[in-house]
Amino acid sequence: MEIYFDKRSVRQIRISAADAIEEGDTLTLREDLREAFTEDQIEEIERRIDTGDINDLFNDVFDEWDLEDIEEFFELLEGQLAEADVDLKYQAPEMDDDDDEEEDDLDDDFEDAEEGDAPGIPKG
């Protein structure tokens, strides 16, 4: 079975993981991780694992994670899912150039607007 996380899900999990590292609290990360899966995916994973509860799989990931490295978190998640014969696929941030270009364009537009150089905004 293959599961694909979209960019929004990966971004949200990364933000929550960074918050978990900073605050030492994984509750929001656990919620965001669960929301990244569809109900059908959760049911299929639960059929494939011994305990029948995806929360146990998540607990194993969090027990192994040292709350220091986001990439390690994703690797542990992939490993736990692989044991259930589930292949997790997602786009790593290095490959996410389109969003960076859009954010750069928005930053440029904002800077132009601050300087009064944007079309329709008078200078001074």
PDB file of N, CA and C in Angstrom:
ATOM      1  N   MET A   1       0.846  -1.177   0.000  1.00  0.00           N
ATOM      2  CA  MET A   1       0.000   0.000   0.000  1.00  0.00           C
ATOM      3  C   MET A   1       0.891   1.241   0.000  1.00  0.00           C
ATOM      4  N   GLU A   2       0.532   2.223  -0.820  1.00  0.00           N
ATOM      5  CA  GLU A   2       1.262   3.492  -0.851  1.00  0.00           C
ATOM      6  C   GLU A   2       0.363   4.613  -0.341  1.00  0.00           C
ATOM      7  N   ILE A   3       0.969   5.493   0.447  1.00  0.00           N
ATOM      8  CA  ILE A   3       0.264   6.672   0.954  1.00  0.00           C
ATOM      9  C   ILE A   3       1.075   7.895   0.553  1.00  0.00           C
ATOM     10  N   TYR A   4       0.393   8.887   0.021  1.00  0.00           N
ATOM     11  CA  TYR A   4       1.035  10.118  -0.396  1.00  0.00           C
ATOM     12  C   TYR A   4       0.562  11.271   0.488  1.00  0.00           C
ATOM     13  N   PHE A   5       1.513  11.976   1.091  1.00  0.00           N
ATOM     14  CA  PHE A   5       1.194  13.199   1.829  1.00  0.00           C
ATOM     15  C   PHE A   5       1.343  14.365   0.869  1.00  0.00           C
ATOM     16  N   ASP A   6       0.336  15.233   0.834  1.00  0.00           N
ATOM     17  CA  ASP A   6       0.449  16.423  -0.009  1.00  0.00           C
ATOM     18  C   ASP A   6       1.341  17.465   0.664  1.00  0.00           C
ATOM     19  N   LYS A   7       1.695  18.496  -0.087  1.00  0.00           N
ATOM     20  CA  LYS A   7       2.617  19.525   0.415  1.00  0.00           C
ATOM     21  C   LYS A   7       2.080  20.195   1.675  1.00  0.00           C
ATOM     22  N   ARG A   8       0.784  20.450   1.700  1.00  0.00           N
ATOM     23  CA  ARG A   8       0.185  21.122   2.858  1.00  0.00           C
ATOM     24  C   ARG A   8       0.336  20.266   4.112  1.00  0.00           C
ATOM     25  N   SER A   9       0.091  18.967   3.974  1.00  0.00           N
ATOM     26  CA  SER A   9       0.211  18.061   5.125  1.00  0.00           C
ATOM     27  C   SER A   9       1.644  17.993   5.624  1.00  0.00           C
ATOM     28  N   VAL A  10       2.588  17.867   4.682  1.00  0.00           N
ATOM     29  CA  VAL A  10       3.998  17.801   5.064  1.00  0.00           C
ATOM     30  C   VAL A  10       4.420  19.095   5.748  1.00  0.00           C
ATOM     31  N   ARG A  11       4.004  20.214   5.200  1.00  0.00           N
ATOM     32  CA  ARG A  11       4.350  21.514   5.782  1.00  0.00           C
ATOM     33  C   ARG A  11       3.793  21.630   7.204  1.00  0.00           C
ATOM     34  N   GLN A  12       2.536  21.219   7.394  1.00  0.00           N
ATOM     35  CA  GLN A  12       1.913  21.312   8.715  1.00  0.00           C
ATOM     36  C   GLN A  12       2.595  20.388   9.718  1.00  0.00           C
ATOM     37  N   ILE A  13       2.945  19.188   9.275  1.00  0.00           N
ATOM     38  CA  ILE A  13       3.637  18.252  10.173  1.00  0.00           C
ATOM     39  C   ILE A  13       5.002  18.813  10.552  1.00  0.00           C
ATOM     40  N   ARG A  14       5.706  19.397   9.593  1.00  0.00           N
ATOM     41  CA  ARG A  14       7.020  19.983   9.874  1.00  0.00           C
ATOM     42  C   ARG A  14       6.909  21.149  10.870  1.00  0.00           C
ATOM     43  N   ILE A  15       5.904  21.978  10.709  1.00  0.00           N
ATOM     44  CA  ILE A  15       5.695  23.098  11.638  1.00  0.00           C
ATOM     45  C   ILE A  15       5.400  22.564  13.033  1.00  0.00           C
ATOM     46  N   SER A  16       4.526  21.573  13.116  1.00  0.00           N
ATOM     47  CA  SER A  16       4.175  20.991  14.416  1.00  0.00           C
ATOM     48  C   SER A  16       5.362  20.272  15.045  1.00  0.00           C
ATOM     49  N   ALA A  17       6.186  19.625  14.208  1.00  0.00           N
ATOM     50  CA  ALA A  17       7.380  18.948  14.731  1.00  0.00           C
ATOM     51  C   ALA A  17       8.365  19.969  15.281  1.00  0.00           C
ATOM     52  N   ALA A  18       8.519  21.091  14.586  1.00  0.00           N
ATOM     53  CA  ALA A  18       9.406  22.149  15.079  1.00  0.00           C
ATOM     54  C   ALA A  18       8.891  22.696  16.408  1.00  0.00           C
ATOM     55  N   ASP A  19       7.583  22.879  16.506  1.00  0.00           N
ATOM     56  CA  ASP A  19       6.986  23.340  17.766  1.00  0.00           C
ATOM     57  C   ASP A  19       7.197  22.309  18.876  1.00  0.00           C
ATOM     58  N   ALA A  20       7.067  21.023  18.529  1.00  0.00           N
ATOM     59  CA  ALA A  20       7.267  19.961  19.520  1.00  0.00           C
ATOM     60  C   ALA A  20       8.706  19.964  20.024  1.00  0.00           C
ATOM     61  N   ILE A  21       9.648  20.190  19.119  1.00  0.00           N
ATOM     62  CA  ILE A  21      11.055  20.255  19.521  1.00  0.00           C
ATOM     63  C   ILE A  21      11.274  21.427  20.471  1.00  0.00           C
ATOM     64  N   GLU A  22      10.692  22.563  20.121  1.00  0.00           N
ATOM     65  CA  GLU A  22      10.877  23.777  20.916  1.00  0.00           C
ATOM     66  C   GLU A  22      10.188  23.692  22.275  1.00  0.00           C
ATOM     67  N   GLU A  23       8.955  23.150  22.293  1.00  0.00           N
ATOM     68  CA  GLU A  23       8.150  23.160  23.510  1.00  0.00           C
ATOM     69  C   GLU A  23       8.175  21.844  24.281  1.00  0.00           C
ATOM     70  N   GLY A  24       8.619  20.769  23.640  1.00  0.00           N
ATOM     71  CA  GLY A  24       8.645  19.466  24.298  1.00  0.00           C
ATOM     72  C   GLY A  24       7.282  18.805  24.405  1.00  0.00           C
ATOM     73  N   ASP A  25       6.280  19.315  23.681  1.00  0.00           N
ATOM     74  CA  ASP A  25       4.920  18.788  23.732  1.00  0.00           C
ATOM     75  C   ASP A  25       4.535  18.287  22.336  1.00  0.00           C
ATOM     76  N   THR A  26       4.136  17.026  22.247  1.00  0.00           N
ATOM     77  CA  THR A  26       3.847  16.431  20.939  1.00  0.00           C
ATOM     78  C   THR A  26       2.359  16.313  20.627  1.00  0.00           C
ATOM     79  N   LEU A  27       1.497  16.850  21.456  1.00  0.00           N
ATOM     80  CA  LEU A  27       0.063  16.681  21.259  1.00  0.00           C
ATOM     81  C   LEU A  27      -0.397  17.224  19.899  1.00  0.00           C
ATOM     82  N   THR A  28      -0.028  18.443  19.558  1.00  0.00           N
ATOM     83  CA  THR A  28      -0.439  19.036  18.285  1.00  0.00           C
ATOM     84  C   THR A  28       0.138  18.253  17.120  1.00  0.00           C
ATOM     85  N   LEU A  29       1.380  17.822  17.243  1.00  0.00           N
ATOM     86  CA  LEU A  29       2.002  17.022  16.188  1.00  0.00           C
ATOM     87  C   LEU A  29       1.242  15.712  15.995  1.00  0.00           C
ATOM     88  N   ARG A  30       0.852  15.078  17.080  1.00  0.00           N
ATOM     89  CA  ARG A  30       0.080  13.840  16.981  1.00  0.00           C
ATOM     90  C   ARG A  30      -1.237  14.080  16.237  1.00  0.00           C
ATOM     91  N   GLU A  31      -1.902  15.182  16.566  1.00  0.00           N
ATOM     92  CA  GLU A  31      -3.180  15.503  15.913  1.00  0.00           C
ATOM     93  C   GLU A  31      -2.976  15.788  14.431  1.00  0.00           C
ATOM     94  N   ASP A  32      -1.944  16.574  14.103  1.00  0.00           N
ATOM     95  CA  ASP A  32      -1.686  16.903  12.700  1.00  0.00           C
ATOM     96  C   ASP A  32      -1.273  15.668  11.906  1.00  0.00           C
ATOM     97  N   LEU A  33      -0.528  14.791  12.544  1.00  0.00           N
ATOM     98  CA  LEU A  33      -0.114  13.557  11.881  1.00  0.00           C
ATOM     99  C   LEU A  33      -1.342  12.703  11.549  1.00  0.00           C
ATOM    100  N   ARG A  34      -2.228  12.564  12.512  1.00  0.00           N
ATOM    101  CA  ARG A  34      -3.442  11.775  12.266  1.00  0.00           C
ATOM    102  C   ARG A  34      -4.286  12.401  11.162  1.00  0.00           C
ATOM    103  N   GLU A  35      -4.383  13.724  11.144  1.00  0.00           N
ATOM    104  CA  GLU A  35      -5.184  14.407  10.128  1.00  0.00           C
ATOM    105  C   GLU A  35      -4.599  14.274   8.728  1.00  0.00           C
ATOM    106  N   ALA A  36      -3.314  13.948   8.629  1.00  0.00           N
ATOM    107  CA  ALA A  36      -2.672  13.780   7.323  1.00  0.00           C
ATOM    108  C   ALA A  36      -3.156  12.509   6.622  1.00  0.00           C
ATOM    109  N   PHE A  37      -3.702  11.577   7.384  1.00  0.00           N
ATOM    110  CA  PHE A  37      -4.207  10.318   6.832  1.00  0.00           C
ATOM    111  C   PHE A  37      -5.710  10.407   6.635  1.00  0.00           C
ATOM    112  N   THR A  38      -6.211   9.757   5.592  1.00  0.00           N
ATOM    113  CA  THR A  38      -7.662   9.651   5.423  1.00  0.00           C
ATOM    114  C   THR A  38      -8.166   8.543   6.343  1.00  0.00           C
ATOM    115  N   GLU A  39      -9.452   8.524   6.584  1.00  0.00           N
ATOM    116  CA  GLU A  39     -10.040   7.468   7.420  1.00  0.00           C
ATOM    117  C   GLU A  39      -9.815   6.094   6.791  1.00  0.00           C
ATOM    118  N   ASP A  40      -9.922   6.001   5.465  1.00  0.00           N
ATOM    119  CA  ASP A  40      -9.678   4.722   4.784  1.00  0.00           C
ATOM    120  C   ASP A  40      -8.240   4.258   4.988  1.00  0.00           C
ATOM    121  N   GLN A  41      -7.292   5.193   4.917  1.00  0.00           N
ATOM    122  CA  GLN A  41      -5.886   4.843   5.133  1.00  0.00           C
ATOM    123  C   GLN A  41      -5.663   4.356   6.563  1.00  0.00           C
ATOM    124  N   ILE A  42      -6.266   5.042   7.512  1.00  0.00           N
ATOM    125  CA  ILE A  42      -6.137   4.643   8.915  1.00  0.00           C
ATOM    126  C   ILE A  42      -6.693   3.231   9.117  1.00  0.00           C
ATOM    127  N   GLU A  43      -7.866   2.970   8.556  1.00  0.00           N
ATOM    128  CA  GLU A  43      -8.468   1.642   8.693  1.00  0.00           C
ATOM    129  C   GLU A  43      -7.583   0.564   8.086  1.00  0.00           C
ATOM    130  N   GLU A  44      -6.988   0.851   6.917  1.00  0.00           N
ATOM    131  CA  GLU A  44      -6.117  -0.136   6.263  1.00  0.00           C
ATOM    132  C   GLU A  44      -4.845  -0.368   7.074  1.00  0.00           C
ATOM    133  N   ILE A  45      -4.260   0.698   7.610  1.00  0.00           N
ATOM    134  CA  ILE A  45      -3.063   0.552   8.450  1.00  0.00           C
ATOM    135  C   ILE A  45      -3.401  -0.259   9.688  1.00  0.00           C
ATOM    136  N   GLU A  46      -4.541   0.038  10.300  1.00  0.00           N
ATOM    137  CA  GLU A  46      -4.932  -0.689  11.512  1.00  0.00           C
ATOM    138  C   GLU A  46      -5.158  -2.178  11.235  1.00  0.00           C
ATOM    139  N   ARG A  47      -5.592  -2.516  10.015  1.00  0.00           N
ATOM    140  CA  ARG A  47      -5.739  -3.936   9.655  1.00  0.00           C
ATOM    141  C   ARG A  47      -4.375  -4.612   9.529  1.00  0.00           C
ATOM    142  N   ARG A  48      -3.362  -3.820   9.206  1.00  0.00           N
ATOM    143  CA  ARG A  48      -2.033  -4.374   8.930  1.00  0.00           C
ATOM    144  C   ARG A  48      -1.140  -4.467  10.169  1.00  0.00           C
ATOM    145  N   ILE A  49      -1.485  -3.770  11.242  1.00  0.00           N
ATOM    146  CA  ILE A  49      -0.620  -3.793  12.431  1.00  0.00           C
ATOM    147  C   ILE A  49      -1.207  -4.721  13.493  1.00  0.00           C
ATOM    148  N   ASP A  50      -0.320  -5.268  14.311  1.00  0.00           N
ATOM    149  CA  ASP A  50      -0.720  -6.274  15.305  1.00  0.00           C
ATOM    150  C   ASP A  50      -1.751  -5.756  16.297  1.00  0.00           C
ATOM    151  N   THR A  51      -1.558  -4.522  16.769  1.00  0.00           N
ATOM    152  CA  THR A  51      -2.447  -4.011  17.813  1.00  0.00           C
ATOM    153  C   THR A  51      -3.792  -3.550  17.284  1.00  0.00           C
ATOM    154  N   GLY A  52      -3.856  -3.249  15.982  1.00  0.00           N
ATOM    155  CA  GLY A  52      -5.111  -2.791  15.394  1.00  0.00           C
ATOM    156  C   GLY A  52      -5.457  -1.351  15.721  1.00  0.00           C
ATOM    157  N   ASP A  53      -4.495  -0.590  16.237  1.00  0.00           N
ATOM    158  CA  ASP A  53      -4.737   0.800  16.617  1.00  0.00           C
ATOM    159  C   ASP A  53      -3.590   1.669  16.114  1.00  0.00           C
ATOM    160  N   ILE A  54      -3.893   2.599  15.236  1.00  0.00           N
ATOM    161  CA  ILE A  54      -2.847   3.439  14.661  1.00  0.00           C
ATOM    162  C   ILE A  54      -2.143   4.280  15.724  1.00  0.00           C
ATOM    163  N   ASN A  55      -2.830   4.556  16.811  1.00  0.00           N
ATOM    164  CA  ASN A  55      -2.199   5.326  17.886  1.00  0.00           C
ATOM    165  C   ASN A  55      -1.001   4.585  18.481  1.00  0.00           C
ATOM    166  N   ASP A  56      -1.062   3.254  18.481  1.00  0.00           N
ATOM    167  CA  ASP A  56       0.080   2.469  18.951  1.00  0.00           C
ATOM    168  C   ASP A  56       1.276   2.643  18.020  1.00  0.00           C
ATOM    169  N   LEU A  57       1.009   2.689  16.727  1.00  0.00           N
ATOM    170  CA  LEU A  57       2.076   2.938  15.757  1.00  0.00           C
ATOM    171  C   LEU A  57       2.674   4.323  15.993  1.00  0.00           C
ATOM    172  N   PHE A  58       1.806   5.322  16.176  1.00  0.00           N
ATOM    173  CA  PHE A  58       2.278   6.680  16.464  1.00  0.00           C
ATOM    174  C   PHE A  58       3.091   6.702  17.759  1.00  0.00           C
ATOM    175  N   ASN A  59       2.616   5.988  18.782  1.00  0.00           N
ATOM    176  CA  ASN A  59       3.348   5.944  20.055  1.00  0.00           C
ATOM    177  C   ASN A  59       4.750   5.391  19.862  1.00  0.00           C
ATOM    178  N   ASP A  60       4.878   4.364  19.029  1.00  0.00           N
ATOM    179  CA  ASP A  60       6.200   3.793  18.758  1.00  0.00           C
ATOM    180  C   ASP A  60       7.115   4.828  18.106  1.00  0.00           C
ATOM    181  N   VAL A  61       6.568   5.600  17.176  1.00  0.00           N
ATOM    182  CA  VAL A  61       7.356   6.654  16.520  1.00  0.00           C
ATOM    183  C   VAL A  61       7.806   7.680  17.553  1.00  0.00           C
ATOM    184  N   PHE A  62       6.887   8.142  18.380  1.00  0.00           N
ATOM    185  CA  PHE A  62       7.221   9.176  19.364  1.00  0.00           C
ATOM    186  C   PHE A  62       8.157   8.648  20.452  1.00  0.00           C
ATOM    187  N   ASP A  63       8.028   7.377  20.794  1.00  0.00           N
ATOM    188  CA  ASP A  63       8.932   6.790  21.788  1.00  0.00           C
ATOM    189  C   ASP A  63      10.366   6.739  21.268  1.00  0.00           C
ATOM    190  N   GLU A  64      10.529   6.500  19.972  1.00  0.00           N
ATOM    191  CA  GLU A  64      11.863   6.407  19.379  1.00  0.00           C
ATOM    192  C   GLU A  64      12.456   7.778  19.043  1.00  0.00           C
ATOM    193  N   TRP A  65      11.606   8.765  18.800  1.00  0.00           N
ATOM    194  CA  TRP A  65      12.068  10.081  18.364  1.00  0.00           C
ATOM    195  C   TRP A  65      12.663  10.838  19.547  1.00  0.00           C
ATOM    196  N   ASP A  66      13.816  11.475  19.315  1.00  0.00           N
ATOM    197  CA  ASP A  66      14.504  12.183  20.396  1.00  0.00           C
ATOM    198  C   ASP A  66      14.122  13.666  20.488  1.00  0.00           C
ATOM    199  N   LEU A  67      13.121  14.090  19.751  1.00  0.00           N
ATOM    200  CA  LEU A  67      12.664  15.487  19.747  1.00  0.00           C
ATOM    201  C   LEU A  67      13.778  16.460  19.363  1.00  0.00           C
ATOM    202  N   GLU A  68      14.629  16.027  18.436  1.00  0.00           N
ATOM    203  CA  GLU A  68      15.722  16.907  18.021  1.00  0.00           C
ATOM    204  C   GLU A  68      15.770  17.154  16.525  1.00  0.00           C
ATOM    205  N   ASP A  69      15.287  16.214  15.714  1.00  0.00           N
ATOM    206  CA  ASP A  69      15.476  16.320  14.278  1.00  0.00           C
ATOM    207  C   ASP A  69      14.177  15.953  13.553  1.00  0.00           C
ATOM    208  N   ILE A  70      13.681  16.878  12.747  1.00  0.00           N
ATOM    209  CA  ILE A  70      12.429  16.652  12.019  1.00  0.00           C
ATOM    210  C   ILE A  70      12.595  15.546  10.989  1.00  0.00           C
ATOM    211  N   GLU A  71      13.749  15.514  10.314  1.00  0.00           N
ATOM    212  CA  GLU A  71      13.985  14.467   9.318  1.00  0.00           C
ATOM    213  C   GLU A  71      13.964  13.086   9.971  1.00  0.00           C
ATOM    214  N   GLU A  72      14.528  12.996  11.177  1.00  0.00           N
ATOM    215  CA  GLU A  72      14.518  11.729  11.899  1.00  0.00           C
ATOM    216  C   GLU A  72      13.074  11.309  12.195  1.00  0.00           C
ATOM    217  N   PHE A  73      12.232  12.272  12.527  1.00  0.00           N
ATOM    218  CA  PHE A  73      10.824  11.970  12.790  1.00  0.00           C
ATOM    219  C   PHE A  73      10.184  11.318  11.566  1.00  0.00           C
ATOM    220  N   PHE A  74      10.401  11.920  10.390  1.00  0.00           N
ATOM    221  CA  PHE A  74       9.831  11.357   9.164  1.00  0.00           C
ATOM    222  C   PHE A  74      10.416   9.974   8.869  1.00  0.00           C
ATOM    223  N   GLU A  75      11.702   9.791   9.114  1.00  0.00           N
ATOM    224  CA  GLU A  75      12.332   8.485   8.896  1.00  0.00           C
ATOM    225  C   GLU A  75      11.731   7.426   9.819  1.00  0.00           C
ATOM    226  N   LEU A  76      11.507   7.783  11.066  1.00  0.00           N
ATOM    227  CA  LEU A  76      10.900   6.839  12.013  1.00  0.00           C
ATOM    228  C   LEU A  76       9.469   6.496  11.602  1.00  0.00           C
ATOM    229  N   LEU A  77       8.725   7.501  11.152  1.00  0.00           N
ATOM    230  CA  LEU A  77       7.360   7.264  10.689  1.00  0.00           C
ATOM    231  C   LEU A  77       7.373   6.338   9.483  1.00  0.00           C
ATOM    232  N   GLU A  78       8.252   6.622   8.533  1.00  0.00           N
ATOM    233  CA  GLU A  78       8.361   5.755   7.360  1.00  0.00           C
ATOM    234  C   GLU A  78       8.716   4.326   7.764  1.00  0.00           C
ATOM    235  N   GLY A  79       9.636   4.181   8.708  1.00  0.00           N
ATOM    236  CA  GLY A  79      10.049   2.862   9.163  1.00  0.00           C
ATOM    237  C   GLY A  79       8.916   2.082   9.806  1.00  0.00           C
ATOM    238  N   GLN A  80       8.160   2.748  10.679  1.00  0.00           N
ATOM    239  CA  GLN A  80       7.029   2.080  11.339  1.00  0.00           C
ATOM    240  C   GLN A  80       5.973   1.669  10.312  1.00  0.00           C
ATOM    241  N   LEU A  81       5.708   2.547   9.350  1.00  0.00           N
ATOM    242  CA  LEU A  81       4.725   2.223   8.323  1.00  0.00           C
ATOM    243  C   LEU A  81       5.230   1.094   7.417  1.00  0.00           C
ATOM    244  N   ALA A  82       6.526   1.088   7.132  1.00  0.00           N
ATOM    245  CA  ALA A  82       7.106   0.037   6.293  1.00  0.00           C
ATOM    246  C   ALA A  82       6.928  -1.338   6.946  1.00  0.00           C
ATOM    247  N   GLU A  83       7.032  -1.381   8.282  1.00  0.00           N
ATOM    248  CA  GLU A  83       6.813  -2.645   8.992  1.00  0.00           C
ATOM    249  C   GLU A  83       5.386  -3.155   8.793  1.00  0.00           C
ATOM    250  N   ALA A  84       4.457  -2.230   8.516  1.00  0.00           N
ATOM    251  CA  ALA A  84       3.071  -2.610   8.239  1.00  0.00           C
ATOM    252  C   ALA A  84       2.835  -2.748   6.732  1.00  0.00           C
ATOM    253  N   ASP A  85       3.939  -2.778   5.967  1.00  0.00           N
ATOM    254  CA  ASP A  85       3.892  -2.897   4.511  1.00  0.00           C
ATOM    255  C   ASP A  85       3.169  -1.711   3.869  1.00  0.00           C
ATOM    256  N   VAL A  86       3.445  -0.525   4.402  1.00  0.00           N
ATOM    257  CA  VAL A  86       2.896   0.721   3.876  1.00  0.00           C
ATOM    258  C   VAL A  86       4.075   1.595   3.465  1.00  0.00           C
ATOM    259  N   ASP A  87       4.041   2.062   2.221  1.00  0.00           N
ATOM    260  CA  ASP A  87       5.099   2.921   1.692  1.00  0.00           C
ATOM    261  C   ASP A  87       4.620   4.366   1.729  1.00  0.00           C
ATOM    262  N   LEU A  88       5.238   5.177   2.596  1.00  0.00           N
ATOM    263  CA  LEU A  88       4.873   6.591   2.718  1.00  0.00           C
ATOM    264  C   LEU A  88       5.682   7.404   1.721  1.00  0.00           C
ATOM    265  N   LYS A  89       4.991   8.214   0.941  1.00  0.00           N
ATOM    266  CA  LYS A  89       5.648   9.082  -0.040  1.00  0.00           C
ATOM    267  C   LYS A  89       5.248  10.524   0.260  1.00  0.00           C
ATOM    268  N   TYR A  90       6.224  11.406   0.159  1.00  0.00           N
ATOM    269  CA  TYR A  90       5.966  12.833   0.341  1.00  0.00           C
ATOM    270  C   TYR A  90       7.098  13.590  -0.315  1.00  0.00           C
ATOM    271  N   GLN A  91       6.861  14.858  -0.586  1.00  0.00           N
ATOM    272  CA  GLN A  91       7.877  15.675  -1.224  1.00  0.00           C
ATOM    273  C   GLN A  91       8.710  16.348  -0.142  1.00  0.00           C
ATOM    274  N   ALA A  92      10.003  16.089  -0.178  1.00  0.00           N
ATOM    275  CA  ALA A  92      10.917  16.702   0.784  1.00  0.00           C
ATOM    276  C   ALA A  92      11.007  18.198   0.506  1.00  0.00           C
ATOM    277  N   PRO A  93      11.333  19.001   1.510  1.00  0.00           N
ATOM    278  CA  PRO A  93      11.343  20.452   1.327  1.00  0.00           C
ATOM    279  C   PRO A  93      12.348  20.924   0.284  1.00  0.00           C
ATOM    280  N   GLU A  94      13.465  20.205   0.085  1.00  0.00           N
ATOM    281  CA  GLU A  94      14.453  20.608  -0.905  1.00  0.00           C
ATOM    282  C   GLU A  94      13.871  20.560  -2.312  1.00  0.00           C
ATOM    283  N   MET A  95      12.881  19.696  -2.510  1.00  0.00           N
ATOM    284  CA  MET A  95      12.289  19.515  -3.827  1.00  0.00           C
ATOM    285  C   MET A  95      11.106  20.452  -4.040  1.00  0.00           C
ATOM    286  N   ASP A  96      10.791  21.266  -3.073  1.00  0.00           N
ATOM    287  CA  ASP A  96       9.591  22.086  -3.067  1.00  0.00           C
ATOM    288  C   ASP A  96       9.906  23.497  -3.566  1.00  0.00           C
ATOM    289  N   ASP A  97      10.495  23.611  -4.759  1.00  0.00           N
ATOM    290  CA  ASP A  97      10.933  24.899  -5.283  1.00  0.00           C
ATOM    291  C   ASP A  97       9.788  25.816  -5.685  1.00  0.00           C
ATOM    292  N   ASP A  98       8.668  25.260  -6.157  1.00  0.00           N
ATOM    293  CA  ASP A  98       7.567  26.091  -6.618  1.00  0.00           C
ATOM    294  C   ASP A  98       7.048  27.006  -5.514  1.00  0.00           C
ATOM    295  N   ASP A  99       6.887  26.469  -4.314  1.00  0.00           N
ATOM    296  CA  ASP A  99       6.385  27.278  -3.207  1.00  0.00           C
ATOM    297  C   ASP A  99       7.381  28.366  -2.833  1.00  0.00           C
ATOM    298  N   ASP A 100       8.679  28.054  -2.880  1.00  0.00           N
ATOM    299  CA  ASP A 100       9.691  29.049  -2.554  1.00  0.00           C
ATOM    300  C   ASP A 100       9.636  30.208  -3.525  1.00  0.00           C
ATOM    301  N   GLU A 101       9.446  29.912  -4.820  1.00  0.00           N
ATOM    302  CA  GLU A 101       9.360  30.978  -5.809  1.00  0.00           C
ATOM    303  C   GLU A 101       8.144  31.848  -5.557  1.00  0.00           C
ATOM    304  N   GLU A 102       7.003  31.215  -5.227  1.00  0.00           N
ATOM    305  CA  GLU A 102       5.798  31.994  -4.938  1.00  0.00           C
ATOM    306  C   GLU A 102       6.006  32.881  -3.724  1.00  0.00           C
ATOM    307  N   GLU A 103       6.644  32.341  -2.667  1.00  0.00           N
ATOM    308  CA  GLU A 103       6.887  33.125  -1.469  1.00  0.00           C
ATOM    309  C   GLU A 103       7.843  34.279  -1.774  1.00  0.00           C
ATOM    310  N   ASP A 104       8.872  34.026  -2.610  1.00  0.00           N
ATOM    311  CA  ASP A 104       9.800  35.094  -2.993  1.00  0.00           C
ATOM    312  C   ASP A 104       9.065  36.191  -3.748  1.00  0.00           C
ATOM    313  N   ASP A 105       8.158  35.805  -4.665  1.00  0.00           N
ATOM    314  CA  ASP A 105       7.389  36.794  -5.411  1.00  0.00           C
ATOM    315  C   ASP A 105       6.530  37.630  -4.469  1.00  0.00           C
ATOM    316  N   LEU A 106       5.905  36.967  -3.485  1.00  0.00           N
ATOM    317  CA  LEU A 106       5.085  37.701  -2.523  1.00  0.00           C
ATOM    318  C   LEU A 106       5.944  38.644  -1.687  1.00  0.00           C
ATOM    319  N   ASP A 107       7.136  38.173  -1.296  1.00  0.00           N
ATOM    320  CA  ASP A 107       8.049  39.027  -0.537  1.00  0.00           C
ATOM    321  C   ASP A 107       8.449  40.244  -1.358  1.00  0.00           C
ATOM    322  N   ASP A 108       8.751  40.027  -2.648  1.00  0.00           N
ATOM    323  CA  ASP A 108       9.137  41.138  -3.525  1.00  0.00           C
ATOM    324  C   ASP A 108       7.993  42.130  -3.664  1.00  0.00           C
ATOM    325  N   ASP A 109       6.756  41.611  -3.845  1.00  0.00           N
ATOM    326  CA  ASP A 109       5.602  42.494  -3.968  1.00  0.00           C
ATOM    327  C   ASP A 109       5.418  43.313  -2.700  1.00  0.00           C
ATOM    328  N   PHE A 110       5.603  42.681  -1.542  1.00  0.00           N
ATOM    329  CA  PHE A 110       5.448  43.376  -0.275  1.00  0.00           C
ATOM    330  C   PHE A 110       6.511  44.460  -0.132  1.00  0.00           C
ATOM    331  N   GLU A 111       7.761  44.113  -0.475  1.00  0.00           N
ATOM    332  CA  GLU A 111       8.833  45.100  -0.388  1.00  0.00           C
ATOM    333  C   GLU A 111       8.574  46.265  -1.334  1.00  0.00           C
ATOM    334  N   ASP A 112       8.097  45.948  -2.549  1.00  0.00           N
ATOM    335  CA  ASP A 112       7.781  47.011  -3.501  1.00  0.00           C
ATOM    336  C   ASP A 112       6.679  47.913  -2.954  1.00  0.00           C
ATOM    337  N   ALA A 113       5.685  47.311  -2.333  1.00  0.00           N
ATOM    338  CA  ALA A 113       4.576  48.084  -1.786  1.00  0.00           C
ATOM    339  C   ALA A 113       5.059  48.980  -0.657  1.00  0.00           C
ATOM    340  N   GLU A 114       5.995  48.467   0.162  1.00  0.00           N
ATOM    341  CA  GLU A 114       6.527  49.286   1.246  1.00  0.00           C
ATOM    342  C   GLU A 114       7.288  50.491   0.703  1.00  0.00           C
ATOM    343  N   GLU A 115       7.974  50.281  -0.417  1.00  0.00           N
ATOM    344  CA  GLU A 115       8.770  51.358  -1.001  1.00  0.00           C
ATOM    345  C   GLU A 115       7.927  52.279  -1.871  1.00  0.00           C
ATOM    346  N   GLY A 116       6.671  51.904  -2.123  1.00  0.00           N
ATOM    347  CA  GLY A 116       5.817  52.717  -2.959  1.00  0.00           C
ATOM    348  C   GLY A 116       6.060  52.499  -4.435  1.00  0.00           C
ATOM    349  N   ASP A 117       6.770  51.418  -4.817  1.00  0.00           N
ATOM    350  CA  ASP A 117       7.077  51.147  -6.204  1.00  0.00           C
ATOM    351  C   ASP A 117       6.055  50.262  -6.869  1.00  0.00           C
ATOM    352  N   ALA A 118       5.141  49.713  -6.130  1.00  0.00           N
ATOM    353  CA  ALA A 118       4.159  48.802  -6.714  1.00  0.00           C
ATOM    354  C   ALA A 118       3.152  49.611  -7.518  1.00  0.00           C
ATOM    355  N   PRO A 119       2.649  49.022  -8.603  1.00  0.00           N
ATOM    356  CA  PRO A 119       1.653  49.721  -9.414  1.00  0.00           C
ATOM    357  C   PRO A 119       0.434  50.097  -8.566  1.00  0.00           C
ATOM    358  N   GLY A 120      -0.056  51.282  -8.763  1.00  0.00           N
ATOM    359  CA  GLY A 120      -1.254  51.741  -8.081  1.00  0.00           C
ATOM    360  C   GLY A 120      -1.008  52.284  -6.685  1.00  0.00           C
ATOM    361  N   ILE A 121       0.240  52.284  -6.238  1.00  0.00           N
ATOM    362  CA  ILE A 121       0.535  52.815  -4.919  1.00  0.00           C
ATOM    363  C   ILE A 121       1.408  54.058  -5.120  1.00  0.00           C
ATOM    364  N   PRO A 122       0.890  55.195  -4.737  1.00  0.00           N
ATOM    365  CA  PRO A 122       1.673  56.421  -4.938  1.00  0.00           C
ATOM    366  C   PRO A 122       2.892  56.471  -4.037  1.00  0.00           C
ATOM    367  N   LYS A 123       3.960  57.060  -4.543  1.00  0.00           N
ATOM    368  CA  LYS A 123       5.177  57.216  -3.760  1.00  0.00           C
ATOM    369  C   LYS A 123       5.015  58.394  -2.798  1.00  0.00           C
ATOM    370  N   GLY A 124       5.650  58.226  -1.637  1.00  0.00           N
ATOM    371  CA  GLY A 124       5.763  59.318  -0.702  1.00  0.00           C
ATOM    372  C   GLY A 124       4.539  59.613  -0.005  1.00  0.00           C
TER     373      GLY A 124
END
